[in-house]
Amino acid sequence: MQVGSCGICCDACGLGGNLCSGCMPGSDPSASKKVKFLKSINALFPVLDCAVKKENSLLFKKL
């Protein structure tokens, strides 16, 4: 089981497939674009937003 930098288990995420190709580390240059896109579709992920603001390089954690 993987937990993305968004804070949600990838297996349980409803955005998988068409809307989301997975999370990237908060330090990735495209991460801020991802946060803006997710906000534009009213999908708020405060953990990913925080990772981007702090430029956290953690991608995912296996539980």
PDB file of N, CA and C in Angstrom:
ATOM      1  N   MET A   1       0.850  -1.165   0.000  1.00  0.00           N
ATOM      2  CA  MET A   1       0.000   0.000   0.000  1.00  0.00           C
ATOM      3  C   MET A   1       0.897   1.230   0.000  1.00  0.00           C
ATOM      4  N   GLN A   2       0.627   2.181  -0.891  1.00  0.00           N
ATOM      5  CA  GLN A   2       1.394   3.411  -0.973  1.00  0.00           C
ATOM      6  C   GLN A   2       0.533   4.592  -0.554  1.00  0.00           C
ATOM      7  N   VAL A   3       1.135   5.508   0.167  1.00  0.00           N
ATOM      8  CA  VAL A   3       0.477   6.762   0.521  1.00  0.00           C
ATOM      9  C   VAL A   3       1.237   7.860  -0.190  1.00  0.00           C
ATOM     10  N   GLY A   4       0.569   8.562  -1.090  1.00  0.00           N
ATOM     11  CA  GLY A   4       1.216   9.618  -1.854  1.00  0.00           C
ATOM     12  C   GLY A   4       1.508  10.840  -1.011  1.00  0.00           C
ATOM     13  N   SER A   5       2.275  11.767  -1.583  1.00  0.00           N
ATOM     14  CA  SER A   5       2.581  12.999  -0.864  1.00  0.00           C
ATOM     15  C   SER A   5       1.334  13.850  -0.652  1.00  0.00           C
ATOM     16  N   CYS A   6       0.226  13.476  -1.297  1.00  0.00           N
ATOM     17  CA  CYS A   6      -1.051  14.155  -1.072  1.00  0.00           C
ATOM     18  C   CYS A   6      -1.656  13.741   0.262  1.00  0.00           C
ATOM     19  N   GLY A   7      -1.174  12.622   0.830  1.00  0.00           N
ATOM     20  CA  GLY A   7      -1.677  12.134   2.109  1.00  0.00           C
ATOM     21  C   GLY A   7      -2.740  11.060   1.986  1.00  0.00           C
ATOM     22  N   ILE A   8      -3.055  10.657   0.767  1.00  0.00           N
ATOM     23  CA  ILE A   8      -4.112   9.667   0.530  1.00  0.00           C
ATOM     24  C   ILE A   8      -3.498   8.391  -0.038  1.00  0.00           C
ATOM     25  N   CYS A   9      -4.024   7.262   0.394  1.00  0.00           N
ATOM     26  CA  CYS A   9      -3.587   5.975  -0.135  1.00  0.00           C
ATOM     27  C   CYS A   9      -3.919   5.917  -1.626  1.00  0.00           C
ATOM     28  N   CYS A  10      -2.931   5.642  -2.450  1.00  0.00           N
ATOM     29  CA  CYS A  10      -3.123   5.613  -3.906  1.00  0.00           C
ATOM     30  C   CYS A  10      -4.209   4.618  -4.320  1.00  0.00           C
ATOM     31  N   ASP A  11      -4.314   3.500  -3.608  1.00  0.00           N
ATOM     32  CA  ASP A  11      -5.322   2.494  -3.934  1.00  0.00           C
ATOM     33  C   ASP A  11      -6.742   2.983  -3.667  1.00  0.00           C
ATOM     34  N   ALA A  12      -6.897   3.917  -2.734  1.00  0.00           N
ATOM     35  CA  ALA A  12      -8.221   4.382  -2.346  1.00  0.00           C
ATOM     36  C   ALA A  12      -8.610   5.706  -3.001  1.00  0.00           C
ATOM     37  N   CYS A  13      -7.689   6.321  -3.730  1.00  0.00           N
ATOM     38  CA  CYS A  13      -7.939   7.639  -4.311  1.00  0.00           C
ATOM     39  C   CYS A  13      -8.930   7.554  -5.469  1.00  0.00           C
ATOM     40  N   GLY A  14      -9.918   8.418  -5.460  1.00  0.00           N
ATOM     41  CA  GLY A  14     -10.928   8.454  -6.515  1.00  0.00           C
ATOM     42  C   GLY A  14     -10.479   9.171  -7.769  1.00  0.00           C
ATOM     43  N   LEU A  15      -9.328   9.842  -7.731  1.00  0.00           N
ATOM     44  CA  LEU A  15      -8.846  10.582  -8.904  1.00  0.00           C
ATOM     45  C   LEU A  15      -7.918   9.763  -9.787  1.00  0.00           C
ATOM     46  N   GLY A  16      -7.578   8.566  -9.366  1.00  0.00           N
ATOM     47  CA  GLY A  16      -6.651   7.733 -10.128  1.00  0.00           C
ATOM     48  C   GLY A  16      -7.134   7.472 -11.541  1.00  0.00           C
ATOM     49  N   GLY A  17      -6.194   7.326 -12.446  1.00  0.00           N
ATOM     50  CA  GLY A  17      -6.551   7.020 -13.836  1.00  0.00           C
ATOM     51  C   GLY A  17      -6.693   8.256 -14.691  1.00  0.00           C
ATOM     52  N   ASN A  18      -7.924   8.729 -14.893  1.00  0.00           N
ATOM     53  CA  ASN A  18      -8.180   9.826 -15.825  1.00  0.00           C
ATOM     54  C   ASN A  18      -7.726  11.196 -15.330  1.00  0.00           C
ATOM     55  N   LEU A  19      -8.025  11.535 -14.079  1.00  0.00           N
ATOM     56  CA  LEU A  19      -7.723  12.876 -13.577  1.00  0.00           C
ATOM     57  C   LEU A  19      -6.359  13.006 -12.946  1.00  0.00           C
ATOM     58  N   CYS A  20      -5.805  11.921 -12.476  1.00  0.00           N
ATOM     59  CA  CYS A  20      -4.546  11.998 -11.738  1.00  0.00           C
ATOM     60  C   CYS A  20      -3.647  10.841 -12.140  1.00  0.00           C
ATOM     61  N   SER A  21      -2.411  11.186 -12.439  1.00  0.00           N
ATOM     62  CA  SER A  21      -1.447  10.140 -12.792  1.00  0.00           C
ATOM     63  C   SER A  21      -0.555   9.793 -11.609  1.00  0.00           C
ATOM     64  N   GLY A  22      -0.888  10.314 -10.438  1.00  0.00           N
ATOM     65  CA  GLY A  22      -0.110  10.047  -9.238  1.00  0.00           C
ATOM     66  C   GLY A  22       0.578  11.301  -8.740  1.00  0.00           C
ATOM     67  N   CYS A  23       0.983  11.260  -7.504  1.00  0.00           N
ATOM     68  CA  CYS A  23       1.635  12.413  -6.892  1.00  0.00           C
ATOM     69  C   CYS A  23       3.130  12.377  -7.141  1.00  0.00           C
ATOM     70  N   MET A  24       3.690  13.557  -7.148  1.00  0.00           N
ATOM     71  CA  MET A  24       5.133  13.698  -7.245  1.00  0.00           C
ATOM     72  C   MET A  24       5.620  14.356  -5.965  1.00  0.00           C
ATOM     73  N   PRO A  25       6.932  14.345  -5.705  1.00  0.00           N
ATOM     74  CA  PRO A  25       7.427  15.001  -4.498  1.00  0.00           C
ATOM     75  C   PRO A  25       7.097  16.494  -4.518  1.00  0.00           C
ATOM     76  N   GLY A  26       6.958  17.068  -3.359  1.00  0.00           N
ATOM     77  CA  GLY A  26       6.669  18.498  -3.267  1.00  0.00           C
ATOM     78  C   GLY A  26       7.781  19.357  -3.840  1.00  0.00           C
ATOM     79  N   SER A  27       8.984  18.821  -3.952  1.00  0.00           N
ATOM     80  CA  SER A  27      10.120  19.564  -4.497  1.00  0.00           C
ATOM     81  C   SER A  27      10.164  19.529  -6.028  1.00  0.00           C
ATOM     82  N   ASP A  28       9.312  18.711  -6.643  1.00  0.00           N
ATOM     83  CA  ASP A  28       9.265  18.608  -8.109  1.00  0.00           C
ATOM     84  C   ASP A  28       8.690  19.909  -8.684  1.00  0.00           C
ATOM     85  N   PRO A  29       9.303  20.470  -9.736  1.00  0.00           N
ATOM     86  CA  PRO A  29       8.807  21.724 -10.318  1.00  0.00           C
ATOM     87  C   PRO A  29       7.353  21.656 -10.797  1.00  0.00           C
ATOM     88  N   SER A  30       6.881  20.493 -11.205  1.00  0.00           N
ATOM     89  CA  SER A  30       5.500  20.382 -11.691  1.00  0.00           C
ATOM     90  C   SER A  30       4.491  20.187 -10.554  1.00  0.00           C
ATOM     91  N   ALA A  31       4.960  20.028  -9.321  1.00  0.00           N
ATOM     92  CA  ALA A  31       4.051  19.790  -8.193  1.00  0.00           C
ATOM     93  C   ALA A  31       3.134  20.980  -7.941  1.00  0.00           C
ATOM     94  N   SER A  32       3.645  22.198  -8.066  1.00  0.00           N
ATOM     95  CA  SER A  32       2.797  23.368  -7.826  1.00  0.00           C
ATOM     96  C   SER A  32       1.703  23.477  -8.891  1.00  0.00           C
ATOM     97  N   LYS A  33       2.016  23.071 -10.128  1.00  0.00           N
ATOM     98  CA  LYS A  33       0.995  23.052 -11.190  1.00  0.00           C
ATOM     99  C   LYS A  33      -0.091  22.035 -10.851  1.00  0.00           C
ATOM    100  N   LYS A  34       0.334  20.904 -10.292  1.00  0.00           N
ATOM    101  CA  LYS A  34      -0.625  19.861  -9.914  1.00  0.00           C
ATOM    102  C   LYS A  34      -1.581  20.376  -8.839  1.00  0.00           C
ATOM    103  N   VAL A  35      -1.024  21.081  -7.837  1.00  0.00           N
ATOM    104  CA  VAL A  35      -1.861  21.637  -6.772  1.00  0.00           C
ATOM    105  C   VAL A  35      -2.866  22.630  -7.356  1.00  0.00           C
ATOM    106  N   LYS A  36      -2.413  23.483  -8.254  1.00  0.00           N
ATOM    107  CA  LYS A  36      -3.323  24.463  -8.891  1.00  0.00           C
ATOM    108  C   LYS A  36      -4.424  23.748  -9.670  1.00  0.00           C
ATOM    109  N   PHE A  37      -4.052  22.695 -10.416  1.00  0.00           N
ATOM    110  CA  PHE A  37      -5.052  21.934 -11.171  1.00  0.00           C
ATOM    111  C   PHE A  37      -6.067  21.297 -10.235  1.00  0.00           C
ATOM    112  N   LEU A  38      -5.583  20.653  -9.184  1.00  0.00           N
ATOM    113  CA  LEU A  38      -6.489  19.989  -8.252  1.00  0.00           C
ATOM    114  C   LEU A  38      -7.440  20.990  -7.596  1.00  0.00           C
ATOM    115  N   LYS A  39      -6.935  22.176  -7.254  1.00  0.00           N
ATOM    116  CA  LYS A  39      -7.800  23.212  -6.676  1.00  0.00           C
ATOM    117  C   LYS A  39      -8.837  23.666  -7.689  1.00  0.00           C
ATOM    118  N   SER A  40      -8.460  23.708  -8.975  1.00  0.00           N
ATOM    119  CA  SER A  40      -9.392  24.164 -10.013  1.00  0.00           C
ATOM    120  C   SER A  40     -10.564  23.205 -10.197  1.00  0.00           C
ATOM    121  N   ILE A  41     -10.384  21.933  -9.849  1.00  0.00           N
ATOM    122  CA  ILE A  41     -11.488  20.970  -9.946  1.00  0.00           C
ATOM    123  C   ILE A  41     -12.099  20.698  -8.574  1.00  0.00           C
ATOM    124  N   ASN A  42     -11.768  21.589  -7.628  1.00  0.00           N
ATOM    125  CA  ASN A  42     -12.308  21.525  -6.266  1.00  0.00           C
ATOM    126  C   ASN A  42     -11.897  20.252  -5.524  1.00  0.00           C
ATOM    127  N   ALA A  43     -10.702  19.778  -5.833  1.00  0.00           N
ATOM    128  CA  ALA A  43     -10.128  18.624  -5.129  1.00  0.00           C
ATOM    129  C   ALA A  43      -8.983  19.154  -4.281  1.00  0.00           C
ATOM    130  N   LEU A  44      -9.227  19.310  -3.000  1.00  0.00           N
ATOM    131  CA  LEU A  44      -8.246  19.916  -2.112  1.00  0.00           C
ATOM    132  C   LEU A  44      -7.424  18.843  -1.407  1.00  0.00           C
ATOM    133  N   PHE A  45      -6.117  18.962  -1.489  1.00  0.00           N
ATOM    134  CA  PHE A  45      -5.192  18.034  -0.854  1.00  0.00           C
ATOM    135  C   PHE A  45      -4.210  18.845  -0.021  1.00  0.00           C
ATOM    136  N   PRO A  46      -4.571  19.181   1.215  1.00  0.00           N
ATOM    137  CA  PRO A  46      -3.719  20.048   2.032  1.00  0.00           C
ATOM    138  C   PRO A  46      -2.332  19.476   2.316  1.00  0.00           C
ATOM    139  N   VAL A  47      -2.197  18.159   2.361  1.00  0.00           N
ATOM    140  CA  VAL A  47      -0.880  17.569   2.628  1.00  0.00           C
ATOM    141  C   VAL A  47       0.038  17.791   1.429  1.00  0.00           C
ATOM    142  N   LEU A  48      -0.471  17.599   0.217  1.00  0.00           N
ATOM    143  CA  LEU A  48       0.322  17.861  -0.990  1.00  0.00           C
ATOM    144  C   LEU A  48       0.647  19.345  -1.080  1.00  0.00           C
ATOM    145  N   ASP A  49      -0.319  20.208  -0.779  1.00  0.00           N
ATOM    146  CA  ASP A  49      -0.099  21.653  -0.790  1.00  0.00           C
ATOM    147  C   ASP A  49       1.026  22.021   0.178  1.00  0.00           C
ATOM    148  N   CYS A  50       1.020  21.441   1.356  1.00  0.00           N
ATOM    149  CA  CYS A  50       2.063  21.689   2.355  1.00  0.00           C
ATOM    150  C   CYS A  50       3.414  21.176   1.856  1.00  0.00           C
ATOM    151  N   ALA A  51       3.431  19.994   1.233  1.00  0.00           N
ATOM    152  CA  ALA A  51       4.675  19.428   0.709  1.00  0.00           C
ATOM    153  C   ALA A  51       5.278  20.336  -0.355  1.00  0.00           C
ATOM    154  N   VAL A  52       4.416  20.950  -1.172  1.00  0.00           N
ATOM    155  CA  VAL A  52       4.890  21.870  -2.207  1.00  0.00           C
ATOM    156  C   VAL A  52       5.452  23.134  -1.553  1.00  0.00           C
ATOM    157  N   LYS A  53       4.723  23.686  -0.585  1.00  0.00           N
ATOM    158  CA  LYS A  53       5.175  24.913   0.073  1.00  0.00           C
ATOM    159  C   LYS A  53       6.499  24.716   0.800  1.00  0.00           C
ATOM    160  N   LYS A  54       6.701  23.530   1.377  1.00  0.00           N
ATOM    161  CA  LYS A  54       7.939  23.244   2.109  1.00  0.00           C
ATOM    162  C   LYS A  54       8.988  22.559   1.238  1.00  0.00           C
ATOM    163  N   GLU A  55       8.647  22.329  -0.040  1.00  0.00           N
ATOM    164  CA  GLU A  55       9.521  21.637  -0.988  1.00  0.00           C
ATOM    165  C   GLU A  55      10.013  20.303  -0.424  1.00  0.00           C
ATOM    166  N   ASN A  56       9.084  19.561   0.156  1.00  0.00           N
ATOM    167  CA  ASN A  56       9.376  18.255   0.738  1.00  0.00           C
ATOM    168  C   ASN A  56       9.610  17.253  -0.386  1.00  0.00           C
ATOM    169  N   SER A  57      10.702  16.539  -0.329  1.00  0.00           N
ATOM    170  CA  SER A  57      11.036  15.601  -1.394  1.00  0.00           C
ATOM    171  C   SER A  57      10.434  14.212  -1.190  1.00  0.00           C
ATOM    172  N   LEU A  58       9.678  14.001  -0.122  1.00  0.00           N
ATOM    173  CA  LEU A  58       9.067  12.697   0.131  1.00  0.00           C
ATOM    174  C   LEU A  58       8.011  12.413  -0.934  1.00  0.00           C
ATOM    175  N   LEU A  59       8.171  11.316  -1.648  1.00  0.00           N
ATOM    176  CA  LEU A  59       7.222  10.960  -2.699  1.00  0.00           C
ATOM    177  C   LEU A  59       6.092  10.111  -2.153  1.00  0.00           C
ATOM    178  N   PHE A  60       6.405   9.013  -1.528  1.00  0.00           N
ATOM    179  CA  PHE A  60       5.370   8.166  -0.943  1.00  0.00           C
ATOM    180  C   PHE A  60       5.980   7.329   0.153  1.00  0.00           C
ATOM    181  N   LYS A  61       5.101   6.730   0.886  1.00  0.00           N
ATOM    182  CA  LYS A  61       5.519   5.893   2.008  1.00  0.00           C
ATOM    183  C   LYS A  61       4.793   4.574   1.881  1.00  0.00           C
ATOM    184  N   LYS A  62       5.521   3.477   1.965  1.00  0.00           N
ATOM    185  CA  LYS A  62       4.881   2.156   1.957  1.00  0.00           C
ATOM    186  C   LYS A  62       4.527   1.802   3.374  1.00  0.00           C
ATOM    187  N   LEU A  63       3.290   1.390   3.576  1.00  0.00           N
ATOM    188  CA  LEU A  63       2.821   0.991   4.897  1.00  0.00           C
ATOM    189  C   LEU A  63       2.815  -0.504   5.035  1.00  0.00           C
TER     190      LEU A  63
END
